[in-house]
Protein backbone atom coordinates (compact mmCIF):
# COMPACT_ATOMS: atom_id res chain seq x y z
CA UNK A 1 -34.10 31.09 19.80
CA UNK A 2 -33.40 32.71 16.79
CA UNK A 3 -35.71 32.04 13.31
CA UNK A 4 -35.65 35.29 10.46
CA UNK A 5 -39.41 34.64 9.92
CA UNK A 6 -40.07 38.15 8.98
CA UNK A 7 -36.77 38.18 6.16
CA UNK A 8 -37.96 35.03 4.53
CA UNK A 9 -39.99 34.88 1.18
CA UNK A 10 -43.42 32.50 2.77
CA UNK A 11 -43.60 32.11 -1.13
CA UNK A 12 -40.15 30.60 -2.52
CA UNK A 13 -37.93 30.88 0.81
CA UNK A 14 -35.37 32.95 -0.01
CA UNK A 15 -33.81 34.78 2.88
CA UNK A 16 -32.89 38.37 2.94
CA UNK A 17 -29.26 38.95 4.18
CA UNK A 18 -30.08 42.30 6.07
CA UNK A 19 -33.19 43.94 6.69
CA UNK A 20 -33.55 47.28 9.14
CA UNK A 21 -36.31 47.22 11.40
CA UNK A 22 -38.08 50.53 10.14
CA UNK A 23 -38.42 48.35 6.67
CA UNK A 24 -42.43 47.09 6.62
CA UNK A 25 -42.77 45.89 3.59
CA UNK A 26 -40.44 44.21 0.84
CA UNK A 27 -40.26 42.38 -2.77
CA UNK A 28 -39.15 39.00 -3.28
CA UNK A 29 -36.76 38.35 -5.95
CA UNK A 30 -39.96 36.28 -7.10
CA UNK A 31 -41.37 39.02 -7.03
CA UNK A 32 -43.99 38.93 -4.30
CA UNK A 33 -44.47 41.45 -1.88
CA UNK A 34 -44.58 41.01 1.52
CA UNK A 35 -45.69 42.88 4.91
CA UNK A 36 -43.39 41.64 7.44
CA UNK A 37 -45.44 40.85 10.12
CA UNK A 38 -47.77 38.45 7.75
CA UNK A 39 -44.55 37.00 6.55
CA UNK A 40 -43.30 36.03 9.83
CA UNK A 41 -47.05 34.95 10.87
CA UNK A 42 -47.02 32.81 7.65
CA UNK A 43 -43.44 31.73 8.39
CA UNK A 44 -44.22 30.97 12.39
CA UNK A 45 -47.12 29.15 11.33
CA UNK A 46 -45.35 26.31 8.88
CA UNK A 47 -42.35 25.67 11.28
CA UNK A 48 -45.39 25.10 13.64
CA UNK A 49 -47.40 22.57 11.56
CA UNK A 50 -43.88 21.03 10.51
CA UNK A 51 -43.13 20.34 14.22
CA UNK A 52 -46.30 18.83 14.59
CA UNK A 53 -46.68 16.53 11.92
CA UNK A 54 -43.37 15.74 11.62
CA UNK A 55 -42.41 15.70 15.55
CA UNK A 56 -38.95 17.48 14.80
CA UNK A 57 -38.06 20.98 16.75
CA UNK A 58 -36.93 24.06 15.42
CA UNK A 59 -34.77 24.08 18.36
CA UNK A 60 -31.12 22.65 18.85
CA UNK A 61 -31.87 19.57 21.29
CA UNK A 62 -30.63 19.55 24.14
CA UNK A 63 -30.67 16.93 27.46
CA UNK A 64 -32.95 17.15 30.09
CA UNK A 65 -31.78 16.69 33.78
CA UNK A 66 -32.11 13.25 33.60
CA UNK A 67 -29.98 12.40 30.61
CA UNK A 68 -33.29 12.10 28.19
CA UNK A 69 -33.84 13.61 25.02
CA UNK A 70 -36.10 16.80 24.89
CA UNK A 71 -37.40 15.61 21.67
CA UNK A 72 -40.85 13.87 21.09
CA UNK A 73 -40.77 10.66 22.88
CA UNK A 74 -44.24 7.82 22.57
CA UNK A 75 -45.56 7.01 25.76
CA UNK A 76 -44.42 4.10 27.01
CA UNK A 77 -46.55 1.21 27.01
CA UNK A 78 -48.14 -0.51 30.50
CA UNK A 79 -48.39 -4.34 30.87
CA UNK A 80 -51.31 -5.40 32.62
């Protein structure tokens, strides 16, 4: 849904409260200067890698129509 990828410092994790869309570069309190698009790309990559490694989701969990969780599940093992 909504992930503040362009307002999140990819170095220290600080989230900027407000930032108009016309601001294309910004400097975090930790001293790192970010290009807004590059910062968003770094943060989205990190979120995607966390999902891949941990199996965790970045979206709120919902149930599917058959009442199963939408989270990644291990495949069922078939008996011979």
